[in-house]
Amino acid sequence: MIVWLNGTFGAGKTTTAAELAALLPGSRIFDTEEVGVMLRHVLASEPVRDFQDWQPWRGLVVAAATQLLDYVGGTLIVPQSVLVHQYWQEIRTGLTNAGIPICHVVLHADRDELIRRIDTDPTMPHSQWRFDHLDDYDAARSWHSQEAHVIDTTSLKPHQVAKLIAAQADQTRSATTNRNPAS
């Protein structure tokens, strides 16, 4: 299974992923940004605003996730913002076609809280790149609310958010198991 943590930058995906991994036995964090890093030197001649704009990134994320789960099983936790609906549809379709259940969760925080988090992030404070994506996130909220379980993280601690996501993942796993009973 994949637990995909979506939402904008500053919503708490990375911190929550670590908390969630501690709650889900057999889980691993798969940082799909590393796929983008891998492609940068190969596709440097193809300028894009974001590495997700490279079609190979989306296909390689699906292929890598499939290979990883085939190899180690368990649950992959993917803390990755996807704000372009077409890109999410490509990824979701690829994973679904590979038979991988997906628990898609969007971590939401109100704009003032997001700004505060971006300003005070100890690893990347005042990141203009993150600020520049807040409007993209606002635009994505309509499809996020239709295609994911949205958790408002504005006033929650990461361990509280992780517990909510773990419960959602259990529900997704149960629903998948009930649809596809073992032979």
C-alpha atoms as a PDB file:
ATOM      1  CA  MET A   1       0.000   0.000   0.000  1.00  0.00           C
ATOM      2  CA  ILE A   2       1.012   3.604  -0.505  1.00  0.00           C
ATOM      3  CA  VAL A   3       0.131   6.385   1.878  1.00  0.00           C
ATOM      4  CA  TRP A   4       0.560   9.520  -0.211  1.00  0.00           C
ATOM      5  CA  LEU A   5       0.899  12.679   1.884  1.00  0.00           C
ATOM      6  CA  ASN A   6      -0.088  15.583  -0.333  1.00  0.00           C
ATOM      7  CA  GLY A   7      -0.545  19.275   0.395  1.00  0.00           C
ATOM      8  CA  THR A   8       1.505  22.373  -0.074  1.00  0.00           C
ATOM      9  CA  PHE A   9       4.971  23.129   1.214  1.00  0.00           C
ATOM     10  CA  GLY A  10       4.853  23.818   4.939  1.00  0.00           C
ATOM     11  CA  ALA A  11       1.816  21.663   5.632  1.00  0.00           C
ATOM     12  CA  GLY A  12       3.939  19.172   7.596  1.00  0.00           C
ATOM     13  CA  LYS A  13       4.358  16.261   5.182  1.00  0.00           C
ATOM     14  CA  THR A  14       7.993  15.440   5.956  1.00  0.00           C
ATOM     15  CA  THR A  15       7.629  15.700   9.728  1.00  0.00           C
ATOM     16  CA  THR A  16       4.378  13.749   9.679  1.00  0.00           C
ATOM     17  CA  ALA A  17       5.890  11.051   7.449  1.00  0.00           C
ATOM     18  CA  ALA A  18       8.530  10.304  10.090  1.00  0.00           C
ATOM     19  CA  GLU A  19       5.887  10.109  12.827  1.00  0.00           C
ATOM     20  CA  LEU A  20       3.682   7.905  10.629  1.00  0.00           C
ATOM     21  CA  ALA A  21       6.525   5.510   9.806  1.00  0.00           C
ATOM     22  CA  ALA A  22       6.922   4.877  13.532  1.00  0.00           C
ATOM     23  CA  LEU A  23       3.217   3.943  13.757  1.00  0.00           C
ATOM     24  CA  LEU A  24       2.993   1.656  10.719  1.00  0.00           C
ATOM     25  CA  PRO A  25       5.039  -1.521  11.062  1.00  0.00           C
ATOM     26  CA  GLY A  26       6.828  -2.462   7.857  1.00  0.00           C
ATOM     27  CA  SER A  27       6.567   1.021   6.407  1.00  0.00           C
ATOM     28  CA  ARG A  28       9.256   3.007   4.617  1.00  0.00           C
ATOM     29  CA  ILE A  29       9.437   6.599   3.482  1.00  0.00           C
ATOM     30  CA  PHE A  30       9.912   7.017  -0.266  1.00  0.00           C
ATOM     31  CA  ASP A  31      11.093  10.538  -1.098  1.00  0.00           C
ATOM     32  CA  THR A  32      10.067  10.936  -4.725  1.00  0.00           C
ATOM     33  CA  GLU A  33      11.981  14.222  -4.943  1.00  0.00           C
ATOM     34  CA  GLU A  34      15.065  12.037  -5.283  1.00  0.00           C
ATOM     35  CA  VAL A  35      13.659  10.836  -8.605  1.00  0.00           C
ATOM     36  CA  GLY A  36      13.559  14.477  -9.682  1.00  0.00           C
ATOM     37  CA  VAL A  37      17.144  14.990  -8.509  1.00  0.00           C
ATOM     38  CA  MET A  38      18.193  11.951 -10.530  1.00  0.00           C
ATOM     39  CA  LEU A  39      16.591  13.404 -13.664  1.00  0.00           C
ATOM     40  CA  ARG A  40      18.009  16.938 -13.307  1.00  0.00           C
ATOM     41  CA  HIS A  41      21.366  16.179 -14.867  1.00  0.00           C
ATOM     42  CA  VAL A  42      19.799  14.212 -17.726  1.00  0.00           C
ATOM     43  CA  LEU A  43      17.013  16.677 -18.514  1.00  0.00           C
ATOM     44  CA  ALA A  44      18.794  19.958 -17.758  1.00  0.00           C
ATOM     45  CA  SER A  45      18.311  20.945 -21.399  1.00  0.00           C
ATOM     46  CA  GLU A  46      14.534  20.668 -20.916  1.00  0.00           C
ATOM     47  CA  PRO A  47      13.722  23.649 -18.638  1.00  0.00           C
ATOM     48  CA  VAL A  48      10.668  23.303 -16.407  1.00  0.00           C
ATOM     49  CA  ARG A  49       9.218  25.187 -13.450  1.00  0.00           C
ATOM     50  CA  ASP A  50       9.146  22.003 -11.370  1.00  0.00           C
ATOM     51  CA  PHE A  51      10.654  18.551 -11.948  1.00  0.00           C
ATOM     52  CA  GLN A  52       7.116  17.127 -11.837  1.00  0.00           C
ATOM     53  CA  ASP A  53       6.601  18.790 -15.210  1.00  0.00           C
ATOM     54  CA  TRP A  54       8.933  16.209 -16.728  1.00  0.00           C
ATOM     55  CA  GLN A  55       6.712  13.307 -17.785  1.00  0.00           C
ATOM     56  CA  PRO A  56       9.462  10.789 -17.001  1.00  0.00           C
ATOM     57  CA  TRP A  57       9.318  11.842 -13.335  1.00  0.00           C
ATOM     58  CA  ARG A  58       5.716  10.719 -13.022  1.00  0.00           C
ATOM     59  CA  GLY A  59       6.313   7.418 -14.788  1.00  0.00           C
ATOM     60  CA  LEU A  60       9.488   6.709 -12.822  1.00  0.00           C
ATOM     61  CA  VAL A  61       7.731   7.417  -9.514  1.00  0.00           C
ATOM     62  CA  VAL A  62       5.140   4.776 -10.370  1.00  0.00           C
ATOM     63  CA  ALA A  63       7.786   2.312 -11.580  1.00  0.00           C
ATOM     64  CA  ALA A  64      10.021   2.846  -8.558  1.00  0.00           C
ATOM     65  CA  ALA A  65       7.147   2.537  -6.078  1.00  0.00           C
ATOM     66  CA  THR A  66       5.976  -0.647  -7.778  1.00  0.00           C
ATOM     67  CA  GLN A  67       9.480  -2.129  -7.747  1.00  0.00           C
ATOM     68  CA  LEU A  68      10.029  -1.165  -4.110  1.00  0.00           C
ATOM     69  CA  LEU A  69       6.769  -2.718  -2.952  1.00  0.00           C
ATOM     70  CA  ASP A  70       7.418  -5.860  -5.021  1.00  0.00           C
ATOM     71  CA  TYR A  71      10.827  -6.126  -3.362  1.00  0.00           C
ATOM     72  CA  VAL A  72      10.106  -5.289   0.291  1.00  0.00           C
ATOM     73  CA  GLY A  73       6.319  -5.238   0.635  1.00  0.00           C
ATOM     74  CA  GLY A  74       4.703  -3.283   3.421  1.00  0.00           C
ATOM     75  CA  THR A  75       3.697   0.336   3.117  1.00  0.00           C
ATOM     76  CA  LEU A  76       5.415   3.175   1.311  1.00  0.00           C
ATOM     77  CA  ILE A  77       4.853   6.620   2.770  1.00  0.00           C
ATOM     78  CA  VAL A  78       5.270   9.271   0.084  1.00  0.00           C
ATOM     79  CA  PRO A  79       5.479  12.854   1.371  1.00  0.00           C
ATOM     80  CA  GLN A  80       5.099  14.688  -1.948  1.00  0.00           C
ATOM     81  CA  SER A  81       3.063  17.688  -3.017  1.00  0.00           C
ATOM     82  CA  VAL A  82       1.217  17.129  -6.265  1.00  0.00           C
ATOM     83  CA  LEU A  83      -0.684  20.273  -7.177  1.00  0.00           C
ATOM     84  CA  VAL A  84      -1.393  19.571 -10.861  1.00  0.00           C
ATOM     85  CA  HIS A  85      -4.457  17.371 -11.219  1.00  0.00           C
ATOM     86  CA  GLN A  86      -3.308  15.753 -14.479  1.00  0.00           C
ATOM     87  CA  TYR A  87      -0.074  14.700 -12.792  1.00  0.00           C
ATOM     88  CA  TRP A  88      -1.944  13.144  -9.876  1.00  0.00           C
ATOM     89  CA  GLN A  89      -4.243  11.307 -12.296  1.00  0.00           C
ATOM     90  CA  GLU A  90      -1.225   9.843 -14.125  1.00  0.00           C
ATOM     91  CA  ILE A  91       0.385   8.693 -10.889  1.00  0.00           C
ATOM     92  CA  ARG A  92      -2.843   7.337  -9.396  1.00  0.00           C
ATOM     93  CA  THR A  93      -3.724   5.481 -12.609  1.00  0.00           C
ATOM     94  CA  GLY A  94      -0.255   3.943 -12.818  1.00  0.00           C
ATOM     95  CA  LEU A  95      -0.339   2.771  -9.208  1.00  0.00           C
ATOM     96  CA  THR A  96      -3.903   1.480  -9.521  1.00  0.00           C
ATOM     97  CA  ASN A  97      -3.000  -0.413 -12.708  1.00  0.00           C
ATOM     98  CA  ALA A  98      -0.106  -1.972 -10.786  1.00  0.00           C
ATOM     99  CA  GLY A  99      -2.611  -3.177  -8.166  1.00  0.00           C
ATOM    100  CA  ILE A 100      -1.281  -0.909  -5.410  1.00  0.00           C
ATOM    101  CA  PRO A 101      -3.852   0.433  -2.944  1.00  0.00           C
ATOM    102  CA  ILE A 102      -3.467   4.169  -2.280  1.00  0.00           C
ATOM    103  CA  CYS A 103      -4.414   6.100   0.814  1.00  0.00           C
ATOM    104  CA  HIS A 104      -4.312   9.679  -0.473  1.00  0.00           C
ATOM    105  CA  VAL A 105      -4.196  12.260   2.312  1.00  0.00           C
ATOM    106  CA  VAL A 106      -3.884  16.008   1.949  1.00  0.00           C
ATOM    107  CA  LEU A 107      -2.407  17.882   4.877  1.00  0.00           C
ATOM    108  CA  HIS A 108      -4.008  21.305   4.992  1.00  0.00           C
ATOM    109  CA  ALA A 109      -3.251  24.367   7.086  1.00  0.00           C
ATOM    110  CA  ASP A 110      -4.742  27.821   6.798  1.00  0.00           C
ATOM    111  CA  ARG A 111      -2.717  30.334   4.821  1.00  0.00           C
ATOM    112  CA  ASP A 112      -1.495  32.328   7.846  1.00  0.00           C
ATOM    113  CA  GLU A 113      -0.196  29.145   9.455  1.00  0.00           C
ATOM    114  CA  LEU A 114       1.486  28.055   6.230  1.00  0.00           C
ATOM    115  CA  ILE A 115       3.224  31.410   5.965  1.00  0.00           C
ATOM    116  CA  ARG A 116       4.358  31.143   9.584  1.00  0.00           C
ATOM    117  CA  ARG A 117       5.708  27.617   9.000  1.00  0.00           C
ATOM    118  CA  ILE A 118       7.531  28.611   5.821  1.00  0.00           C
ATOM    119  CA  ASP A 119       9.035  31.639   7.555  1.00  0.00           C
ATOM    120  CA  THR A 120      10.261  29.610  10.527  1.00  0.00           C
ATOM    121  CA  ASP A 121      11.286  26.331   8.875  1.00  0.00           C
ATOM    122  CA  PRO A 122      14.713  25.570  10.368  1.00  0.00           C
ATOM    123  CA  THR A 123      16.015  23.864   7.212  1.00  0.00           C
ATOM    124  CA  MET A 124      14.739  26.379   4.640  1.00  0.00           C
ATOM    125  CA  PRO A 125      13.428  29.587   6.294  1.00  0.00           C
ATOM    126  CA  HIS A 126      11.667  32.257   4.214  1.00  0.00           C
ATOM    127  CA  SER A 127      11.691  30.079   1.080  1.00  0.00           C
ATOM    128  CA  GLN A 128      10.384  32.175  -1.796  1.00  0.00           C
ATOM    129  CA  TRP A 129       9.910  28.988  -3.852  1.00  0.00           C
ATOM    130  CA  ARG A 130       7.503  27.692  -1.193  1.00  0.00           C
ATOM    131  CA  PHE A 131       5.675  31.023  -1.023  1.00  0.00           C
ATOM    132  CA  ASP A 132       5.355  30.999  -4.808  1.00  0.00           C
ATOM    133  CA  HIS A 133       3.409  27.714  -4.655  1.00  0.00           C
ATOM    134  CA  LEU A 134       0.712  28.827  -2.207  1.00  0.00           C
ATOM    135  CA  ASP A 135      -1.570  29.990  -5.025  1.00  0.00           C
ATOM    136  CA  ASP A 136      -1.027  26.669  -6.851  1.00  0.00           C
ATOM    137  CA  TYR A 137      -2.105  24.895  -3.674  1.00  0.00           C
ATOM    138  CA  ASP A 138      -5.223  27.058  -3.369  1.00  0.00           C
ATOM    139  CA  ALA A 139      -6.113  26.166  -6.962  1.00  0.00           C
ATOM    140  CA  ALA A 140      -5.639  22.441  -6.242  1.00  0.00           C
ATOM    141  CA  ARG A 141      -7.840  22.409  -3.153  1.00  0.00           C
ATOM    142  CA  SER A 142     -11.041  21.716  -5.112  1.00  0.00           C
ATOM    143  CA  TRP A 143      -9.785  18.466  -6.616  1.00  0.00           C
ATOM    144  CA  HIS A 144      -7.865  17.563  -3.449  1.00  0.00           C
ATOM    145  CA  SER A 145     -11.108  17.719  -1.462  1.00  0.00           C
ATOM    146  CA  GLN A 146     -12.776  15.374  -3.967  1.00  0.00           C
ATOM    147  CA  GLU A 147      -9.958  12.838  -4.333  1.00  0.00           C
ATOM    148  CA  ALA A 148      -8.278  12.685  -0.936  1.00  0.00           C
ATOM    149  CA  HIS A 149      -8.903  12.599   2.760  1.00  0.00           C
ATOM    150  CA  VAL A 150      -8.129  16.154   3.922  1.00  0.00           C
ATOM    151  CA  ILE A 151      -6.723  16.696   7.413  1.00  0.00           C
ATOM    152  CA  ASP A 152      -6.507  20.227   8.774  1.00  0.00           C
ATOM    153  CA  THR A 153      -3.125  20.398  10.493  1.00  0.00           C
ATOM    154  CA  THR A 154      -3.406  24.059  11.496  1.00  0.00           C
ATOM    155  CA  SER A 155      -3.656  23.374  15.214  1.00  0.00           C
ATOM    156  CA  LEU A 156      -2.482  19.745  15.397  1.00  0.00           C
ATOM    157  CA  LYS A 157       0.917  18.359  16.371  1.00  0.00           C
ATOM    158  CA  PRO A 158       2.608  15.984  13.883  1.00  0.00           C
ATOM    159  CA  HIS A 159       2.025  12.935  16.118  1.00  0.00           C
ATOM    160  CA  GLN A 160      -1.709  13.738  16.214  1.00  0.00           C
ATOM    161  CA  VAL A 161      -1.819  14.044  12.433  1.00  0.00           C
ATOM    162  CA  ALA A 162       0.106  10.776  12.068  1.00  0.00           C
ATOM    163  CA  LYS A 163      -2.447   8.955  14.244  1.00  0.00           C
ATOM    164  CA  LEU A 164      -5.297  10.248  12.083  1.00  0.00           C
ATOM    165  CA  ILE A 165      -3.502   9.132   8.931  1.00  0.00           C
ATOM    166  CA  ALA A 166      -2.719   5.705  10.412  1.00  0.00           C
ATOM    167  CA  ALA A 167      -6.439   5.246  11.096  1.00  0.00           C
ATOM    168  CA  GLN A 168      -7.254   6.313   7.529  1.00  0.00           C
ATOM    169  CA  ALA A 169      -4.638   3.896   6.166  1.00  0.00           C
ATOM    170  CA  ASP A 170      -6.200   1.073   8.190  1.00  0.00           C
ATOM    171  CA  GLN A 171      -9.599   1.921   6.705  1.00  0.00           C
ATOM    172  CA  THR A 172      -8.145   1.938   3.193  1.00  0.00           C
ATOM    173  CA  ARG A 173      -6.386  -1.385   3.820  1.00  0.00           C
ATOM    174  CA  SER A 174      -9.605  -2.942   5.193  1.00  0.00           C
ATOM    175  CA  ALA A 175     -11.667  -1.691   2.271  1.00  0.00           C
ATOM    176  CA  THR A 176      -9.115  -3.039  -0.179  1.00  0.00           C
ATOM    177  CA  THR A 177      -8.953  -6.395   1.593  1.00  0.00           C
ATOM    178  CA  ASN A 178     -12.741  -6.665   1.639  1.00  0.00           C
ATOM    179  CA  ARG A 179     -12.929  -5.972  -2.115  1.00  0.00           C
ATOM    180  CA  ASN A 180     -10.130  -8.444  -2.905  1.00  0.00           C
ATOM    181  CA  PRO A 181     -10.360 -11.314  -0.431  1.00  0.00           C
ATOM    182  CA  ALA A 182      -7.389 -13.695  -0.426  1.00  0.00           C
ATOM    183  CA  SER A 183      -7.858 -16.952  -2.268  1.00  0.00           C
END
